[in-house]
Amino acid sequence: MISRNERGAIRRDARRIAGVGLLLVTLAGCASAPREAIPPDDVAYFERPLPSLAEGALMSPREDGASLDFSNPALARVRQALLDAHERWVGTPYRLGGESFRGIDCSALVQRVFAENFRIELPRTTRAQVQEGTPVARDELLVGDLVFFRPPGAYHHVGIYVGEGFFLHASTSQGVILSELDNVYWRRHYWQARRPMEPTQLAQRTTWFDS
């Protein structure tokens, strides 16, 4: 015969288990993945040369070695918005379920960057974000594309491509950083990319576009 106290304890345990299950479903798809492989050098992240607006794929080199203006102003505008987002969020620690500067997970970072920089509301989870927009081949990535990974474990991972082989994301090991797609870990677990919106449209939606 089960006592009233025992029945109450069973009900409380069941509610706790149900709550945990709901949380896991809500957060499904972000980064409870193993720590990423760190590049084989000793240089601290904040001392590493990171991509800047004035270099790389968005510039058109002339035969005399000088650089022209950006060949695609829309790509440059989107790229700058993403690098500005990096400056605001860099170093924010990773926290599963987090959505603020106290701690954030990968899909929440993507959601906040698109909302704050492009006034676009993306879904909260990677499971939903991977359904957004159109698929993109890896060799056709443009700034603003979402890149997805399937590391070992139950969760997927997502970041935002910023050009020159870098993507912005909330790393489980280092918090919000820029990482290279060609890093051995991310190359091994790369899954797919999606384009939520064309860069020309993203550029028109940047929060500082009309200023």
Protein backbone atom coordinates (compact mmCIF):
# COMPACT_ATOMS: atom_id res chain seq x y z
CA MET A 1 0.00 0.00 0.00
CA ILE A 2 1.55 3.34 -1.06
CA SER A 3 1.23 6.11 1.48
CA ARG A 4 0.05 9.62 0.70
CA ASN A 5 3.59 10.98 1.16
CA GLU A 6 5.01 8.37 -1.21
CA ARG A 7 2.37 9.19 -3.84
CA GLY A 8 3.25 12.89 -3.51
CA ALA A 9 6.95 12.14 -3.97
CA ILE A 10 6.23 10.05 -7.09
CA ARG A 11 4.17 12.87 -8.58
CA ARG A 12 6.93 15.41 -7.87
CA ASP A 13 9.53 13.17 -9.49
CA ALA A 14 7.32 12.70 -12.55
CA ARG A 15 6.89 16.47 -12.89
CA ARG A 16 10.64 17.01 -12.64
CA ILE A 17 11.32 14.38 -15.31
CA ALA A 18 8.68 15.89 -17.60
CA GLY A 19 10.19 19.35 -17.10
CA VAL A 20 13.65 18.15 -18.04
CA GLY A 21 12.25 16.39 -21.12
CA LEU A 22 10.48 19.57 -22.22
CA LEU A 23 13.67 21.59 -21.79
CA LEU A 24 15.64 19.13 -23.89
CA VAL A 25 13.06 19.26 -26.66
CA THR A 26 13.10 23.07 -26.57
CA LEU A 27 16.86 23.20 -26.80
CA ALA A 28 17.24 20.35 -29.25
CA GLY A 29 19.96 20.88 -31.77
CA CYS A 30 22.44 23.12 -30.12
CA ALA A 31 25.85 22.33 -29.08
CA SER A 32 26.13 19.93 -26.28
CA ALA A 33 28.81 18.69 -28.59
CA PRO A 34 32.43 17.84 -27.75
CA ARG A 35 34.84 20.74 -27.55
CA GLU A 36 36.12 21.83 -30.94
CA ALA A 37 39.65 21.06 -31.99
CA ILE A 38 41.85 24.04 -31.14
CA PRO A 39 44.23 25.17 -33.90
CA PRO A 40 47.76 23.89 -33.17
CA ASP A 41 49.28 27.18 -32.05
CA ASP A 42 49.74 28.98 -28.77
CA VAL A 43 48.33 32.32 -29.86
CA ALA A 44 45.49 33.53 -27.68
CA TYR A 45 42.21 34.10 -29.49
CA PHE A 46 42.21 37.84 -28.93
CA GLU A 47 45.72 38.09 -30.41
CA ARG A 48 44.95 36.05 -33.52
CA PRO A 49 44.62 37.91 -36.85
CA LEU A 50 40.91 37.84 -37.55
CA PRO A 51 39.22 38.72 -40.84
CA SER A 52 38.54 42.42 -41.31
CA LEU A 53 36.44 44.40 -43.71
CA ALA A 54 39.52 45.70 -45.52
CA GLU A 55 40.96 42.39 -46.63
CA GLY A 56 40.15 39.15 -48.39
CA ALA A 57 37.47 37.88 -50.71
CA LEU A 58 35.36 41.03 -50.78
CA MET A 59 38.15 43.12 -52.31
CA SER A 60 39.05 43.26 -56.00
CA PRO A 61 42.87 43.35 -56.43
CA ARG A 62 44.24 45.33 -59.33
CA GLU A 63 47.13 44.17 -61.48
CA ASP A 64 49.40 46.75 -59.81
CA GLY A 65 48.66 45.20 -56.40
CA ALA A 66 46.38 48.00 -55.16
CA SER A 67 42.83 47.35 -54.01
CA LEU A 68 39.66 48.67 -55.51
CA ASP A 69 36.45 49.47 -53.69
CA PHE A 70 34.32 46.56 -52.56
CA SER A 71 33.09 44.73 -55.62
CA ASN A 72 29.76 44.03 -53.93
CA PRO A 73 28.60 46.70 -51.46
CA ALA A 74 25.77 44.46 -50.20
CA LEU A 75 28.22 41.72 -49.19
CA ALA A 76 30.44 44.31 -47.52
CA ARG A 77 27.52 45.77 -45.58
CA VAL A 78 26.36 42.36 -44.35
CA ARG A 79 29.90 41.36 -43.47
CA GLN A 80 30.43 44.53 -41.46
CA ALA A 81 27.18 43.94 -39.57
CA LEU A 82 28.34 40.43 -38.67
CA LEU A 83 31.79 41.61 -37.58
CA ASP A 84 30.09 44.27 -35.44
CA ALA A 85 28.01 41.49 -33.89
CA HIS A 86 31.21 39.59 -33.22
CA GLU A 87 32.63 42.62 -31.40
CA ARG A 88 29.52 42.87 -29.21
CA TRP A 89 29.30 39.18 -28.36
CA VAL A 90 32.91 37.97 -28.44
CA GLY A 91 33.92 36.16 -25.27
CA THR A 92 30.36 35.61 -24.07
CA PRO A 93 30.46 32.17 -22.43
CA TYR A 94 28.59 29.24 -23.86
CA ARG A 95 25.56 28.13 -21.86
CA LEU A 96 23.02 25.59 -23.09
CA GLY A 97 19.66 27.36 -23.07
CA GLY A 98 21.28 30.77 -22.54
CA GLU A 99 20.09 33.79 -24.49
CA SER A 100 22.04 36.72 -23.04
CA PHE A 101 25.53 38.11 -22.45
CA ARG A 102 25.69 36.04 -19.26
CA GLY A 103 25.72 32.93 -21.45
CA ILE A 104 24.30 31.87 -24.80
CA ASP A 105 24.05 28.77 -26.98
CA CYS A 106 24.63 28.50 -30.72
CA SER A 107 21.06 28.75 -32.00
CA ALA A 108 20.20 31.61 -29.64
CA LEU A 109 23.24 33.55 -30.88
CA VAL A 110 22.13 33.08 -34.48
CA GLN A 111 18.61 34.13 -33.57
CA ARG A 112 19.77 37.28 -31.74
CA VAL A 113 22.29 38.33 -34.41
CA PHE A 114 19.65 38.14 -37.14
CA ALA A 115 17.06 39.94 -35.02
CA GLU A 116 19.41 42.71 -33.86
CA ASN A 117 21.31 43.26 -37.11
CA PHE A 118 18.84 42.38 -39.87
CA ARG A 119 15.45 42.63 -38.17
CA ILE A 120 14.70 39.01 -39.07
CA GLU A 121 13.09 36.61 -36.62
CA LEU A 122 14.58 33.13 -36.98
CA PRO A 123 13.37 30.11 -34.99
CA ARG A 124 15.02 29.36 -31.65
CA THR A 125 16.46 25.90 -32.30
CA THR A 126 18.85 24.47 -34.88
CA ARG A 127 16.22 21.84 -35.68
CA ALA A 128 13.96 24.65 -36.92
CA GLN A 129 16.69 26.92 -38.31
CA VAL A 130 17.90 24.18 -40.65
CA GLN A 131 14.51 24.41 -42.38
CA GLU A 132 14.90 28.12 -43.14
CA GLY A 133 15.69 29.55 -46.57
CA THR A 134 17.33 27.55 -49.32
CA PRO A 135 20.17 25.00 -49.32
CA VAL A 136 23.61 26.23 -50.37
CA ALA A 137 26.65 24.24 -51.51
CA ARG A 138 29.71 24.70 -49.34
CA ASP A 139 31.73 26.15 -52.22
CA GLU A 140 28.98 28.73 -52.86
CA LEU A 141 28.73 30.18 -49.35
CA LEU A 142 28.06 33.91 -49.00
CA VAL A 143 28.15 36.14 -45.94
CA GLY A 144 25.01 35.67 -43.87
CA ASP A 145 24.53 31.99 -44.72
CA LEU A 146 23.89 29.58 -41.86
CA VAL A 147 26.36 26.71 -41.54
CA PHE A 148 25.33 23.53 -39.71
CA PHE A 149 27.37 20.75 -38.16
CA ARG A 150 26.60 17.28 -36.82
CA PRO A 151 29.17 16.56 -34.13
CA PRO A 152 28.97 13.37 -32.06
CA GLY A 153 26.10 13.36 -29.62
CA ALA A 154 22.45 14.33 -29.62
CA TYR A 155 22.76 17.95 -30.70
CA HIS A 156 23.55 19.81 -33.91
CA HIS A 157 25.51 23.06 -34.10
CA VAL A 158 25.00 26.26 -36.11
CA GLY A 159 26.95 29.40 -36.97
CA ILE A 160 26.86 32.32 -39.43
CA TYR A 161 29.31 32.52 -42.33
CA VAL A 162 31.22 35.83 -42.39
CA GLY A 163 33.48 35.19 -45.39
CA GLU A 164 37.12 34.20 -45.91
CA GLY A 165 36.38 30.77 -44.49
CA PHE A 166 35.30 32.05 -41.06
CA PHE A 167 31.99 31.64 -39.25
CA LEU A 168 30.59 33.29 -36.12
CA HIS A 169 29.21 30.97 -33.46
CA ALA A 170 28.91 30.15 -29.77
CA SER A 171 31.64 27.59 -29.21
CA THR A 172 31.16 25.16 -26.34
CA SER A 173 34.83 25.51 -25.45
CA GLN A 174 35.54 29.22 -26.01
CA GLY A 175 32.21 31.02 -26.04
CA VAL A 176 31.36 33.38 -28.89
CA ILE A 177 34.20 33.43 -31.42
CA LEU A 178 35.05 33.30 -35.10
CA SER A 179 36.23 29.85 -36.20
CA GLU A 180 37.53 28.51 -39.50
CA LEU A 181 35.46 26.07 -41.51
CA ASP A 182 38.70 24.32 -42.42
CA ASN A 183 39.52 23.63 -38.79
CA VAL A 184 39.93 19.84 -38.66
CA TYR A 185 37.04 19.42 -36.21
CA TRP A 186 34.54 21.58 -38.10
CA ARG A 187 35.56 20.18 -41.49
CA ARG A 188 34.95 16.66 -40.21
CA HIS A 189 31.51 17.43 -38.84
CA TYR A 190 30.24 19.89 -41.46
CA TRP A 191 26.67 19.05 -42.44
CA GLN A 192 25.01 21.64 -44.65
CA ALA A 193 24.36 25.35 -45.22
CA ARG A 194 21.18 27.36 -45.67
CA ARG A 195 20.58 30.88 -46.98
CA PRO A 196 17.76 32.52 -45.00
CA MET A 197 17.85 35.57 -47.27
CA GLU A 198 19.96 36.85 -50.15
CA PRO A 199 22.78 39.22 -49.09
CA THR A 200 21.30 42.10 -51.09
CA GLN A 201 18.10 41.78 -49.04
CA LEU A 202 20.02 41.37 -45.78
CA ALA A 203 21.96 44.54 -46.56
CA GLN A 204 18.73 46.48 -46.97
CA ARG A 205 17.60 45.26 -43.57
CA THR A 206 20.71 46.11 -41.56
CA THR A 207 19.72 48.15 -38.52
CA TRP A 208 22.07 50.97 -39.51
CA PHE A 209 21.08 50.99 -43.20
CA ASP A 210 18.92 54.13 -42.96
CA SER A 211 21.21 56.04 -40.61
